[in-house]
Amino acid sequence: MLRLLIAMGLFASLAACAGSNIVPRTDFIPASVVLMPSASDKSRQTFRADDLDMSKYASVNVLKVDMRVKLNDLKRADSLPAELRSNLQQFIGGVRSESDSDTTLVVHAAITGARPDNPLSDMGTNQSSRGGGGYTAVEIYATQGASGPVVAAMTRTIYSHKLTLGTNAAWARTEKALQMAADEFAKLLRPGMKFIEDN
């Protein structure tokens, strides 16, 4: 019985740690949007309007990405949001536009967590260690026009140890994570498309 109690306690502790590894949702996505966790990956929570029809949008406007993480590496603080925006434009596709009309899908995105693999490169981040390694977190949502209803939304935390790359560069897995997140959001908009590989 004692061994069973110890095992149960250990399991509960591990489960609690795992749950705390997901970067909490911020106020970036409107609070009225109810996100549901993925059955296969709790680090991804999504919403998709039942009546979302991508064919009715004549263009796509990906707004400048909001960087909500403070980094000492000012170069990365500028380049990471630009990379996520570029990735979203690439994966979502469509005619690029700066329009905010009802026939334009407007995409809003924020980086809410970023910790590189190399701890020495992480001295300036305001994020605590999650799972003992690097991680990246984003929040993305799309609206009909600039101020129309939210038609899709996603929060995502991606852990560096799950990504296999041919380089040990500190920010390489962060860049890969941003690519993955953009790809996953594009798949949310257009269900049935295969996710890019995790390695």
C-alpha atoms as a PDB file:
ATOM      1  CA  MET A   1       0.000   0.000   0.000  1.00  0.00           C
ATOM      2  CA  LEU A   2       2.838   2.366   0.889  1.00  0.00           C
ATOM      3  CA  ARG A   3       4.503   1.730  -2.485  1.00  0.00           C
ATOM      4  CA  LEU A   4       1.190   2.392  -4.228  1.00  0.00           C
ATOM      5  CA  LEU A   5       0.756   5.710  -2.418  1.00  0.00           C
ATOM      6  CA  ILE A   6       4.305   6.741  -3.246  1.00  0.00           C
ATOM      7  CA  ALA A   7       3.783   5.828  -6.908  1.00  0.00           C
ATOM      8  CA  MET A   8       0.518   7.762  -7.019  1.00  0.00           C
ATOM      9  CA  GLY A   9       2.182  10.764  -5.435  1.00  0.00           C
ATOM     10  CA  LEU A  10       5.034  10.635  -7.919  1.00  0.00           C
ATOM     11  CA  PHE A  11       2.601  10.369 -10.836  1.00  0.00           C
ATOM     12  CA  ALA A  12       0.611  13.364  -9.562  1.00  0.00           C
ATOM     13  CA  SER A  13       3.794  15.363  -9.150  1.00  0.00           C
ATOM     14  CA  LEU A  14       4.946  14.576 -12.678  1.00  0.00           C
ATOM     15  CA  ALA A  15       1.520  15.415 -14.085  1.00  0.00           C
ATOM     16  CA  ALA A  16       1.542  18.748 -12.273  1.00  0.00           C
ATOM     17  CA  CYS A  17       4.981  19.540 -13.639  1.00  0.00           C
ATOM     18  CA  ALA A  18       3.902  18.621 -17.148  1.00  0.00           C
ATOM     19  CA  GLY A  19       0.849  20.859 -16.922  1.00  0.00           C
ATOM     20  CA  SER A  20       2.925  23.801 -15.695  1.00  0.00           C
ATOM     21  CA  ASN A  21       5.181  23.512 -18.744  1.00  0.00           C
ATOM     22  CA  ILE A  22       2.531  25.060 -20.989  1.00  0.00           C
ATOM     23  CA  VAL A  23       2.946  28.828 -21.221  1.00  0.00           C
ATOM     24  CA  PRO A  24      -0.291  30.362 -19.861  1.00  0.00           C
ATOM     25  CA  ARG A  25      -2.638  32.138 -22.236  1.00  0.00           C
ATOM     26  CA  THR A  26      -2.297  35.925 -22.169  1.00  0.00           C
ATOM     27  CA  ASP A  27      -4.866  38.614 -23.006  1.00  0.00           C
ATOM     28  CA  PHE A  28      -3.768  38.744 -26.656  1.00  0.00           C
ATOM     29  CA  ILE A  29      -6.575  36.569 -28.009  1.00  0.00           C
ATOM     30  CA  PRO A  30      -9.979  38.070 -27.114  1.00  0.00           C
ATOM     31  CA  ALA A  31     -11.258  36.584 -23.847  1.00  0.00           C
ATOM     32  CA  SER A  32     -14.571  35.681 -25.484  1.00  0.00           C
ATOM     33  CA  VAL A  33     -12.820  33.053 -27.627  1.00  0.00           C
ATOM     34  CA  VAL A  34     -13.066  29.612 -26.008  1.00  0.00           C
ATOM     35  CA  LEU A  35     -10.050  27.456 -26.849  1.00  0.00           C
ATOM     36  CA  MET A  36     -10.149  23.679 -26.696  1.00  0.00           C
ATOM     37  CA  PRO A  37      -7.028  21.582 -25.998  1.00  0.00           C
ATOM     38  CA  SER A  38      -5.926  19.171 -28.696  1.00  0.00           C
ATOM     39  CA  ALA A  39      -6.665  15.534 -27.906  1.00  0.00           C
ATOM     40  CA  SER A  40      -3.175  14.532 -29.031  1.00  0.00           C
ATOM     41  CA  ASP A  41      -1.176  17.473 -27.668  1.00  0.00           C
ATOM     42  CA  LYS A  42      -2.290  19.521 -24.669  1.00  0.00           C
ATOM     43  CA  SER A  43       0.252  22.210 -25.514  1.00  0.00           C
ATOM     44  CA  ARG A  44      -1.946  23.223 -28.464  1.00  0.00           C
ATOM     45  CA  GLN A  45      -5.347  24.825 -27.861  1.00  0.00           C
ATOM     46  CA  THR A  46      -7.529  25.889 -30.743  1.00  0.00           C
ATOM     47  CA  PHE A  47     -10.797  27.413 -31.890  1.00  0.00           C
ATOM     48  CA  ARG A  48     -12.311  27.301 -35.362  1.00  0.00           C
ATOM     49  CA  ALA A  49     -15.655  28.827 -36.316  1.00  0.00           C
ATOM     50  CA  ASP A  50     -18.076  26.268 -37.716  1.00  0.00           C
ATOM     51  CA  ASP A  51     -18.867  28.482 -40.686  1.00  0.00           C
ATOM     52  CA  LEU A  52     -15.275  29.363 -41.601  1.00  0.00           C
ATOM     53  CA  ASP A  53     -14.937  29.234 -45.386  1.00  0.00           C
ATOM     54  CA  MET A  54     -11.533  30.331 -46.664  1.00  0.00           C
ATOM     55  CA  SER A  55     -12.823  30.611 -50.220  1.00  0.00           C
ATOM     56  CA  LYS A  56     -14.768  33.758 -49.339  1.00  0.00           C
ATOM     57  CA  TYR A  57     -11.611  35.711 -48.535  1.00  0.00           C
ATOM     58  CA  ALA A  58     -10.046  37.558 -51.448  1.00  0.00           C
ATOM     59  CA  SER A  59      -6.824  38.330 -49.587  1.00  0.00           C
ATOM     60  CA  VAL A  60      -4.832  37.730 -46.401  1.00  0.00           C
ATOM     61  CA  ASN A  61      -3.306  40.432 -44.208  1.00  0.00           C
ATOM     62  CA  VAL A  62      -0.801  39.186 -41.611  1.00  0.00           C
ATOM     63  CA  LEU A  63      -0.235  42.044 -39.200  1.00  0.00           C
ATOM     64  CA  LYS A  64       3.084  42.839 -37.551  1.00  0.00           C
ATOM     65  CA  VAL A  65       3.747  40.255 -34.822  1.00  0.00           C
ATOM     66  CA  ASP A  66       3.581  41.384 -31.197  1.00  0.00           C
ATOM     67  CA  MET A  67       6.735  40.443 -29.239  1.00  0.00           C
ATOM     68  CA  ARG A  68       5.706  39.889 -25.626  1.00  0.00           C
ATOM     69  CA  VAL A  69       9.028  38.532 -24.412  1.00  0.00           C
ATOM     70  CA  LYS A  70      11.906  40.698 -23.184  1.00  0.00           C
ATOM     71  CA  LEU A  71      15.278  39.582 -24.503  1.00  0.00           C
ATOM     72  CA  ASN A  72      18.742  41.070 -24.067  1.00  0.00           C
ATOM     73  CA  ASP A  73      19.453  39.901 -27.602  1.00  0.00           C
ATOM     74  CA  LEU A  74      17.898  42.873 -29.390  1.00  0.00           C
ATOM     75  CA  LYS A  75      18.656  41.397 -32.791  1.00  0.00           C
ATOM     76  CA  ARG A  76      16.554  38.329 -31.958  1.00  0.00           C
ATOM     77  CA  ALA A  77      13.848  40.485 -30.402  1.00  0.00           C
ATOM     78  CA  ASP A  78      13.419  42.067 -33.836  1.00  0.00           C
ATOM     79  CA  SER A  79      14.062  39.048 -36.066  1.00  0.00           C
ATOM     80  CA  LEU A  80      11.844  36.445 -34.363  1.00  0.00           C
ATOM     81  CA  PRO A  81       8.556  38.369 -34.857  1.00  0.00           C
ATOM     82  CA  ALA A  82       9.533  39.042 -38.468  1.00  0.00           C
ATOM     83  CA  GLU A  83      10.209  35.328 -38.994  1.00  0.00           C
ATOM     84  CA  LEU A  84       6.838  34.307 -37.570  1.00  0.00           C
ATOM     85  CA  ARG A  85       5.070  36.838 -39.769  1.00  0.00           C
ATOM     86  CA  SER A  86       6.924  35.609 -42.843  1.00  0.00           C
ATOM     87  CA  ASN A  87       6.129  31.994 -41.972  1.00  0.00           C
ATOM     88  CA  LEU A  88       2.433  32.775 -41.573  1.00  0.00           C
ATOM     89  CA  GLN A  89       2.359  34.563 -44.916  1.00  0.00           C
ATOM     90  CA  GLN A  90       4.071  31.612 -46.565  1.00  0.00           C
ATOM     91  CA  PHE A  91       1.957  28.814 -45.082  1.00  0.00           C
ATOM     92  CA  ILE A  92      -1.446  30.531 -45.186  1.00  0.00           C
ATOM     93  CA  GLY A  93      -0.834  31.671 -48.751  1.00  0.00           C
ATOM     94  CA  GLY A  94      -3.440  33.611 -50.668  1.00  0.00           C
ATOM     95  CA  VAL A  95      -3.164  37.121 -52.055  1.00  0.00           C
ATOM     96  CA  ARG A  96      -1.233  39.335 -49.641  1.00  0.00           C
ATOM     97  CA  SER A  97      -2.923  42.597 -48.787  1.00  0.00           C
ATOM     98  CA  GLU A  98      -2.946  45.419 -46.243  1.00  0.00           C
ATOM     99  CA  SER A  99      -6.703  45.719 -46.561  1.00  0.00           C
ATOM    100  CA  ASP A 100      -9.000  45.477 -43.543  1.00  0.00           C
ATOM    101  CA  SER A 101     -12.240  44.842 -45.438  1.00  0.00           C
ATOM    102  CA  ASP A 102     -14.622  41.981 -44.672  1.00  0.00           C
ATOM    103  CA  THR A 103     -13.231  40.030 -47.632  1.00  0.00           C
ATOM    104  CA  THR A 104      -9.732  40.053 -46.093  1.00  0.00           C
ATOM    105  CA  LEU A 105      -8.621  37.492 -43.542  1.00  0.00           C
ATOM    106  CA  VAL A 106      -6.642  39.476 -40.973  1.00  0.00           C
ATOM    107  CA  VAL A 107      -4.150  37.449 -38.933  1.00  0.00           C
ATOM    108  CA  HIS A 108      -2.962  38.628 -35.515  1.00  0.00           C
ATOM    109  CA  ALA A 109       0.013  36.930 -33.822  1.00  0.00           C
ATOM    110  CA  ALA A 110       2.164  37.270 -30.713  1.00  0.00           C
ATOM    111  CA  ILE A 111       5.234  35.523 -29.348  1.00  0.00           C
ATOM    112  CA  THR A 112       4.490  34.950 -25.669  1.00  0.00           C
ATOM    113  CA  GLY A 113       7.440  32.784 -24.690  1.00  0.00           C
ATOM    114  CA  ALA A 114      10.966  32.249 -26.000  1.00  0.00           C
ATOM    115  CA  ARG A 115      13.821  30.455 -24.301  1.00  0.00           C
ATOM    116  CA  PRO A 116      16.758  29.195 -26.385  1.00  0.00           C
ATOM    117  CA  ASP A 117      18.518  25.905 -25.803  1.00  0.00           C
ATOM    118  CA  ASN A 118      21.740  27.497 -24.614  1.00  0.00           C
ATOM    119  CA  PRO A 119      21.275  28.749 -21.004  1.00  0.00           C
ATOM    120  CA  LEU A 120      24.131  31.239 -21.458  1.00  0.00           C
ATOM    121  CA  SER A 121      22.173  32.883 -24.259  1.00  0.00           C
ATOM    122  CA  ASP A 122      19.082  33.026 -22.068  1.00  0.00           C
ATOM    123  CA  MET A 123      20.303  35.427 -19.397  1.00  0.00           C
ATOM    124  CA  GLY A 124      18.073  38.212 -20.676  1.00  0.00           C
ATOM    125  CA  THR A 125      14.759  36.381 -20.994  1.00  0.00           C
ATOM    126  CA  ASN A 126      11.960  37.014 -18.524  1.00  0.00           C
ATOM    127  CA  GLN A 127      10.694  33.457 -18.877  1.00  0.00           C
ATOM    128  CA  SER A 128      11.402  30.683 -16.391  1.00  0.00           C
ATOM    129  CA  SER A 129      12.739  27.290 -17.477  1.00  0.00           C
ATOM    130  CA  ARG A 130      10.038  24.889 -18.665  1.00  0.00           C
ATOM    131  CA  GLY A 131      10.933  21.263 -18.672  1.00  0.00           C
ATOM    132  CA  GLY A 132      14.623  22.056 -18.193  1.00  0.00           C
ATOM    133  CA  GLY A 133      15.155  23.227 -21.782  1.00  0.00           C
ATOM    134  CA  GLY A 134      14.243  25.689 -24.431  1.00  0.00           C
ATOM    135  CA  TYR A 135      10.694  26.386 -25.564  1.00  0.00           C
ATOM    136  CA  THR A 136       8.685  28.748 -27.734  1.00  0.00           C
ATOM    137  CA  ALA A 137       5.102  29.915 -27.224  1.00  0.00           C
ATOM    138  CA  VAL A 138       2.796  31.788 -29.574  1.00  0.00           C
ATOM    139  CA  GLU A 139      -0.786  33.013 -29.743  1.00  0.00           C
ATOM    140  CA  ILE A 140      -2.403  33.501 -33.142  1.00  0.00           C
ATOM    141  CA  TYR A 141      -5.925  34.375 -34.251  1.00  0.00           C
ATOM    142  CA  ALA A 142      -7.678  35.423 -37.439  1.00  0.00           C
ATOM    143  CA  THR A 143     -10.591  37.784 -37.925  1.00  0.00           C
ATOM    144  CA  GLN A 144     -12.969  38.648 -40.731  1.00  0.00           C
ATOM    145  CA  GLY A 145     -11.593  42.052 -41.604  1.00  0.00           C
ATOM    146  CA  ALA A 146      -9.734  44.113 -39.017  1.00  0.00           C
ATOM    147  CA  SER A 147     -12.441  44.173 -36.372  1.00  0.00           C
ATOM    148  CA  GLY A 148     -14.807  41.383 -37.416  1.00  0.00           C
ATOM    149  CA  PRO A 149     -15.505  38.153 -35.538  1.00  0.00           C
ATOM    150  CA  VAL A 150     -12.679  35.759 -34.669  1.00  0.00           C
ATOM    151  CA  VAL A 151     -12.850  32.829 -37.079  1.00  0.00           C
ATOM    152  CA  ALA A 152      -9.845  30.825 -35.797  1.00  0.00           C
ATOM    153  CA  ALA A 153      -7.423  30.977 -32.901  1.00  0.00           C
ATOM    154  CA  MET A 154      -4.551  28.972 -31.444  1.00  0.00           C
ATOM    155  CA  THR A 155      -2.170  28.988 -28.500  1.00  0.00           C
ATOM    156  CA  ARG A 156       0.879  26.771 -28.790  1.00  0.00           C
ATOM    157  CA  THR A 157       3.920  25.878 -26.672  1.00  0.00           C
ATOM    158  CA  ILE A 158       6.643  23.944 -28.488  1.00  0.00           C
ATOM    159  CA  TYR A 159       9.490  22.351 -26.525  1.00  0.00           C
ATOM    160  CA  SER A 160      12.977  22.383 -28.012  1.00  0.00           C
ATOM    161  CA  HIS A 161      13.837  18.871 -26.862  1.00  0.00           C
ATOM    162  CA  LYS A 162      11.140  17.531 -29.204  1.00  0.00           C
ATOM    163  CA  LEU A 163      12.817  19.085 -32.248  1.00  0.00           C
ATOM    164  CA  THR A 164      15.715  17.380 -33.997  1.00  0.00           C
ATOM    165  CA  LEU A 165      18.008  19.615 -36.024  1.00  0.00           C
ATOM    166  CA  GLY A 166      21.445  19.286 -37.570  1.00  0.00           C
ATOM    167  CA  THR A 167      22.763  22.264 -35.603  1.00  0.00           C
ATOM    168  CA  ASN A 168      23.264  23.191 -31.969  1.00  0.00           C
ATOM    169  CA  ALA A 169      22.782  26.924 -32.536  1.00  0.00           C
ATOM    170  CA  ALA A 170      20.964  28.358 -29.522  1.00  0.00           C
ATOM    171  CA  TRP A 171      18.047  29.879 -31.448  1.00  0.00           C
ATOM    172  CA  ALA A 172      17.763  27.298 -34.233  1.00  0.00           C
ATOM    173  CA  ARG A 173      14.980  25.354 -32.540  1.00  0.00           C
ATOM    174  CA  THR A 174      13.143  28.575 -31.718  1.00  0.00           C
ATOM    175  CA  GLU A 175      13.116  29.399 -35.412  1.00  0.00           C
ATOM    176  CA  LYS A 176      11.923  25.871 -36.246  1.00  0.00           C
ATOM    177  CA  ALA A 177       9.181  26.176 -33.609  1.00  0.00           C
ATOM    178  CA  LEU A 178       7.911  29.401 -35.174  1.00  0.00           C
ATOM    179  CA  GLN A 179       7.783  27.637 -38.531  1.00  0.00           C
ATOM    180  CA  MET A 180       5.833  24.745 -37.010  1.00  0.00           C
ATOM    181  CA  ALA A 181       3.369  27.067 -35.277  1.00  0.00           C
ATOM    182  CA  ALA A 182       2.660  28.953 -38.502  1.00  0.00           C
ATOM    183  CA  ASP A 183       2.159  25.685 -40.345  1.00  0.00           C
ATOM    184  CA  GLU A 184      -0.232  24.400 -37.678  1.00  0.00           C
ATOM    185  CA  PHE A 185      -2.303  27.575 -37.804  1.00  0.00           C
ATOM    186  CA  ALA A 186      -2.520  27.299 -41.578  1.00  0.00           C
ATOM    187  CA  LYS A 187      -3.782  23.732 -41.150  1.00  0.00           C
ATOM    188  CA  LEU A 188      -6.360  24.998 -38.656  1.00  0.00           C
ATOM    189  CA  LEU A 189      -7.658  27.350 -41.322  1.00  0.00           C
ATOM    190  CA  ARG A 190      -7.629  24.591 -43.925  1.00  0.00           C
ATOM    191  CA  PRO A 191      -8.338  21.241 -42.194  1.00  0.00           C
ATOM    192  CA  GLY A 192      -7.084  18.039 -43.745  1.00  0.00           C
ATOM    193  CA  MET A 193      -3.619  19.268 -44.643  1.00  0.00           C
ATOM    194  CA  LYS A 194      -0.677  17.369 -43.153  1.00  0.00           C
ATOM    195  CA  PHE A 195       1.483  19.014 -40.484  1.00  0.00           C
ATOM    196  CA  ILE A 196       5.164  19.509 -41.281  1.00  0.00           C
ATOM    197  CA  GLU A 197       7.470  16.989 -39.662  1.00  0.00           C
ATOM    198  CA  ASP A 198       8.851  17.634 -36.196  1.00  0.00           C
ATOM    199  CA  ASN A 199      12.377  16.882 -37.343  1.00  0.00           C
END
